[in-house]
């Protein structure tokens, strides 16, 4: 009688145990944490001061939709971004709550449409990046810098980090299996905080390229 092949989960567990033995450490107990991969559409983060410029004194962001990370939301507020060729992106949504600095995150196709060359940067690293004009219902904001393509990244808790054996600001690989192709994204930046839930953010160009909407399986791999 033929012996049944071992399950994928068993194989992964054995490989993980062997890997940690080589490191001289015990493998984390329990199953792999649930992994969520979301496509991050173009959006804006805004400082309290710049929010008042765009929407008027005393304006506060209101929740349109709660996001996966605790306390984060897509607001009801939208603005218009004007690029150097006078091409515009209307209805650019602001995410809340407010942050210490103002930043706009676009995909490469957005930047090409606007006629801009934007760098890939971790969120908050905006020094030397291009700016633009943002028009709100109350006023116009001239951004001297702050338009980026956000580096793909994974949010995780310290427990998740221990499971994967990674450190803050390290890098991992995301594997996406979809009906038409299997795609690997390297250089997934690790961001660790006790408040984070396990979630990978890729932009809309990357999500379309790997057919994320029809993915059968997503997996995080140590580099």
Protein backbone atom coordinates (compact mmCIF):
# COMPACT_ATOMS: atom_id res chain seq x y z
CA UNK A 1 0.00 0.00 0.00
CA UNK A 2 1.55 3.37 -0.99
CA UNK A 3 2.66 5.70 1.77
CA UNK A 4 0.84 9.07 1.58
CA UNK A 5 3.02 12.06 0.78
CA UNK A 6 3.70 14.41 3.71
CA UNK A 7 1.56 17.55 3.81
CA UNK A 8 2.98 20.93 2.87
CA UNK A 9 2.50 22.20 6.44
CA UNK A 10 4.51 19.26 7.81
CA UNK A 11 7.31 19.88 5.32
CA UNK A 12 7.40 23.58 6.22
CA UNK A 13 7.50 22.74 9.93
CA UNK A 14 10.43 20.33 9.45
CA UNK A 15 12.35 22.83 7.31
CA UNK A 16 11.76 25.57 9.89
CA UNK A 17 12.98 23.34 12.74
CA UNK A 18 16.12 22.40 10.76
CA UNK A 19 16.79 26.06 10.01
CA UNK A 20 16.59 27.09 13.65
CA UNK A 21 18.78 24.13 14.71
CA UNK A 22 21.48 25.50 12.42
CA UNK A 23 21.16 28.82 14.26
CA UNK A 24 21.39 27.07 17.62
CA UNK A 25 17.89 28.23 18.54
CA UNK A 26 14.52 26.60 19.12
CA UNK A 27 11.88 27.07 16.45
CA UNK A 28 8.86 29.12 17.56
CA UNK A 29 5.97 26.96 18.69
CA UNK A 30 2.59 26.95 17.00
CA UNK A 31 1.38 27.43 13.44
CA UNK A 32 2.48 30.27 11.19
CA UNK A 33 0.66 33.54 11.94
CA UNK A 34 -2.06 34.55 9.50
CA UNK A 35 -0.54 36.68 6.75
CA UNK A 36 -2.49 39.46 5.05
CA UNK A 37 -1.22 41.15 1.86
CA UNK A 38 -2.92 44.38 0.82
CA UNK A 39 -2.53 46.68 -2.15
CA UNK A 40 -1.90 50.26 -1.09
CA UNK A 41 -3.49 52.68 -3.55
CA UNK A 42 -2.11 56.21 -3.98
CA UNK A 43 -2.82 58.38 -0.96
CA UNK A 44 -1.66 61.29 1.16
CA UNK A 45 -0.55 61.62 4.78
CA UNK A 46 -0.84 65.13 6.16
CA UNK A 47 0.41 67.11 9.14
CA UNK A 48 -2.11 68.99 11.31
CA UNK A 49 -0.75 72.32 10.06
CA UNK A 50 -1.08 71.41 6.39
CA UNK A 51 -4.54 69.96 6.96
CA UNK A 52 -5.69 73.41 8.11
CA UNK A 53 -4.21 75.00 4.97
CA UNK A 54 -6.15 72.62 2.73
CA UNK A 55 -9.44 72.39 4.62
CA UNK A 56 -9.56 75.42 6.87
CA UNK A 57 -8.98 76.16 10.57
CA UNK A 58 -10.39 73.61 12.96
CA UNK A 59 -10.93 70.89 10.34
CA UNK A 60 -10.53 67.32 11.58
CA UNK A 61 -10.28 64.13 9.57
CA UNK A 62 -13.38 61.92 9.59
CA UNK A 63 -13.43 58.16 9.08
CA UNK A 64 -14.54 56.89 5.67
CA UNK A 65 -13.21 53.35 6.15
CA UNK A 66 -11.11 51.69 8.84
CA UNK A 67 -7.91 50.05 7.61
CA UNK A 68 -6.36 46.77 8.72
CA UNK A 69 -3.84 48.32 11.11
CA UNK A 70 -5.34 49.40 14.42
CA UNK A 71 -6.36 53.07 14.51
CA UNK A 72 -5.56 53.74 10.84
CA UNK A 73 -8.29 54.87 8.46
CA UNK A 74 -9.11 56.24 5.04
CA UNK A 75 -10.71 59.60 5.66
CA UNK A 76 -13.58 61.31 3.86
CA UNK A 77 -11.16 64.07 2.79
CA UNK A 78 -9.78 64.13 -0.76
CA UNK A 79 -7.54 66.61 -2.59
CA UNK A 80 -6.22 67.25 -6.10
CA UNK A 81 -2.53 66.75 -6.88
CA UNK A 82 -1.05 68.88 -9.69
CA UNK A 83 2.11 67.65 -11.40
CA UNK A 84 4.79 69.53 -13.36
CA UNK A 85 3.00 69.08 -16.70
CA UNK A 86 -0.18 70.54 -15.21
CA UNK A 87 -1.66 67.06 -15.25
CA UNK A 88 -3.76 66.31 -12.21
CA UNK A 89 -4.74 63.38 -10.02
CA UNK A 90 -8.14 64.22 -8.52
CA UNK A 91 -9.75 62.59 -5.50
CA UNK A 92 -6.44 61.74 -3.82
CA UNK A 93 -7.55 60.36 -0.49
CA UNK A 94 -6.01 61.42 2.82
CA UNK A 95 -5.31 58.70 5.37
CA UNK A 96 -5.64 59.35 9.06
CA UNK A 97 -4.81 60.11 11.70
CA UNK A 98 -2.54 63.11 11.00
CA UNK A 99 1.22 62.55 11.01
CA UNK A 100 4.16 64.81 11.90
CA UNK A 101 4.99 65.37 8.21
CA UNK A 102 3.12 65.54 4.93
CA UNK A 103 3.81 62.84 2.36
CA UNK A 104 2.18 61.53 -0.83
CA UNK A 105 2.61 57.91 -1.95
CA UNK A 106 2.15 57.10 -5.65
CA UNK A 107 2.70 54.11 -7.89
CA UNK A 108 5.16 54.42 -10.77
CA UNK A 109 2.34 54.61 -13.34
CA UNK A 110 0.90 57.60 -11.43
CA UNK A 111 4.27 59.34 -11.53
CA UNK A 112 4.70 58.69 -15.25
CA UNK A 113 1.28 60.18 -15.93
CA UNK A 114 2.20 63.30 -13.95
CA UNK A 115 5.62 63.58 -15.61
CA UNK A 116 7.54 62.97 -12.39
CA UNK A 117 10.53 60.84 -11.43
CA UNK A 118 9.90 59.66 -7.88
CA UNK A 119 12.24 57.55 -5.74
CA UNK A 120 11.40 54.41 -3.78
CA UNK A 121 11.64 55.34 -0.12
CA UNK A 122 10.53 54.00 3.27
CA UNK A 123 7.65 56.03 4.66
CA UNK A 124 8.90 59.20 6.34
CA UNK A 125 12.17 59.36 4.40
CA UNK A 126 11.34 62.30 2.13
CA UNK A 127 14.54 64.36 2.10
CA UNK A 128 15.47 65.31 -1.47
CA UNK A 129 12.26 63.95 -3.00
CA UNK A 130 10.11 65.93 -5.47
CA UNK A 131 7.16 68.02 -4.42
CA UNK A 132 4.04 69.38 -6.05
CA UNK A 133 0.91 71.45 -5.58
CA UNK A 134 -2.04 70.09 -3.62
CA UNK A 135 -5.43 71.76 -3.89
CA UNK A 136 -8.05 71.41 -1.17
CA UNK A 137 -11.48 73.01 -0.73
CA UNK A 138 -10.03 75.83 1.42
CA UNK A 139 -6.57 76.47 -0.02
CA UNK A 140 -3.54 75.28 -1.93
CA UNK A 141 -0.43 73.70 -0.43
CA UNK A 142 2.96 73.86 -2.16
CA UNK A 143 4.93 70.78 -1.17
CA UNK A 144 8.68 71.38 -1.55
CA UNK A 145 9.28 67.64 -1.13
CA UNK A 146 7.45 64.52 0.00
CA UNK A 147 6.23 62.60 -3.07
CA UNK A 148 7.54 59.02 -3.07
CA UNK A 149 6.88 55.49 -4.18
CA UNK A 150 6.60 53.71 -0.85
CA UNK A 151 9.01 50.80 -0.41
CA UNK A 152 7.16 47.49 -0.10
CA UNK A 153 7.07 46.55 3.58
CA UNK A 154 5.60 44.24 6.20
CA UNK A 155 4.07 45.31 9.50
CA UNK A 156 4.56 42.77 12.27
CA UNK A 157 4.46 42.42 16.03
CA UNK A 158 7.46 41.31 18.12
CA UNK A 159 5.88 37.82 18.35
CA UNK A 160 5.64 37.65 14.54
CA UNK A 161 9.26 38.79 14.27
CA UNK A 162 10.36 36.01 16.62
CA UNK A 163 8.45 33.46 14.56
CA UNK A 164 10.15 34.54 11.34
CA UNK A 165 13.51 35.23 12.99
CA UNK A 166 13.82 38.78 11.67
CA UNK A 167 14.70 42.18 13.10
CA UNK A 168 13.30 45.66 12.61
CA UNK A 169 14.45 47.29 9.35
CA UNK A 170 15.59 43.94 8.00
CA UNK A 171 14.32 42.52 4.71
CA UNK A 172 12.24 39.54 3.64
CA UNK A 173 10.85 38.07 0.41
CA UNK A 174 7.15 37.88 -0.43
CA UNK A 175 6.01 34.96 -2.60
CA UNK A 176 2.63 35.25 -4.33
CA UNK A 177 1.12 32.23 -6.07
CA UNK A 178 -1.67 33.14 -8.51
CA UNK A 179 -3.36 31.16 -11.32
CA UNK A 180 -1.24 32.61 -14.13
CA UNK A 181 2.11 33.06 -12.39
CA UNK A 182 4.13 32.86 -9.22
CA UNK A 183 5.89 36.11 -8.31
CA UNK A 184 8.58 36.87 -5.75
CA UNK A 185 9.16 40.35 -4.34
CA UNK A 186 12.52 40.82 -2.65
CA UNK A 187 13.49 43.71 -0.37
CA UNK A 188 10.30 43.70 1.71
CA UNK A 189 11.20 46.06 4.56
CA UNK A 190 10.40 44.76 8.06
CA UNK A 191 8.67 47.18 10.42
CA UNK A 192 8.09 45.90 13.98
CA UNK A 193 5.86 47.44 16.62
CA UNK A 194 3.73 45.95 19.43
CA UNK A 195 0.63 47.59 17.91
CA UNK A 196 1.12 46.06 14.44
CA UNK A 197 -0.84 43.19 12.93
CA UNK A 198 0.92 41.01 10.35
CA UNK A 199 0.35 42.71 6.99
CA UNK A 200 2.37 43.28 3.82
CA UNK A 201 1.83 46.46 1.81
CA UNK A 202 2.61 46.53 -1.91
CA UNK A 203 1.51 49.24 -4.33
CA UNK A 204 -1.09 48.91 -7.08
CA UNK A 205 1.49 48.31 -9.83
CA UNK A 206 2.98 45.42 -7.87
CA UNK A 207 -0.45 44.00 -6.99
CA UNK A 208 -1.53 44.01 -10.64
CA UNK A 209 1.75 42.47 -11.77
CA UNK A 210 1.41 39.46 -9.43
CA UNK A 211 -2.39 39.12 -9.86
CA UNK A 212 -2.86 39.60 -6.12
CA UNK A 213 -6.65 39.71 -6.38
CA UNK A 214 -6.66 36.04 -7.48
CA UNK A 215 -3.73 34.80 -5.38
CA UNK A 216 -4.06 31.24 -4.11
CA UNK A 217 -1.29 31.56 -1.54
CA UNK A 218 0.99 34.24 -0.10
CA UNK A 219 4.11 33.51 1.90
CA UNK A 220 6.86 35.44 3.67
CA UNK A 221 10.38 34.06 3.37
CA UNK A 222 13.59 34.92 5.18
CA UNK A 223 16.31 36.12 2.83
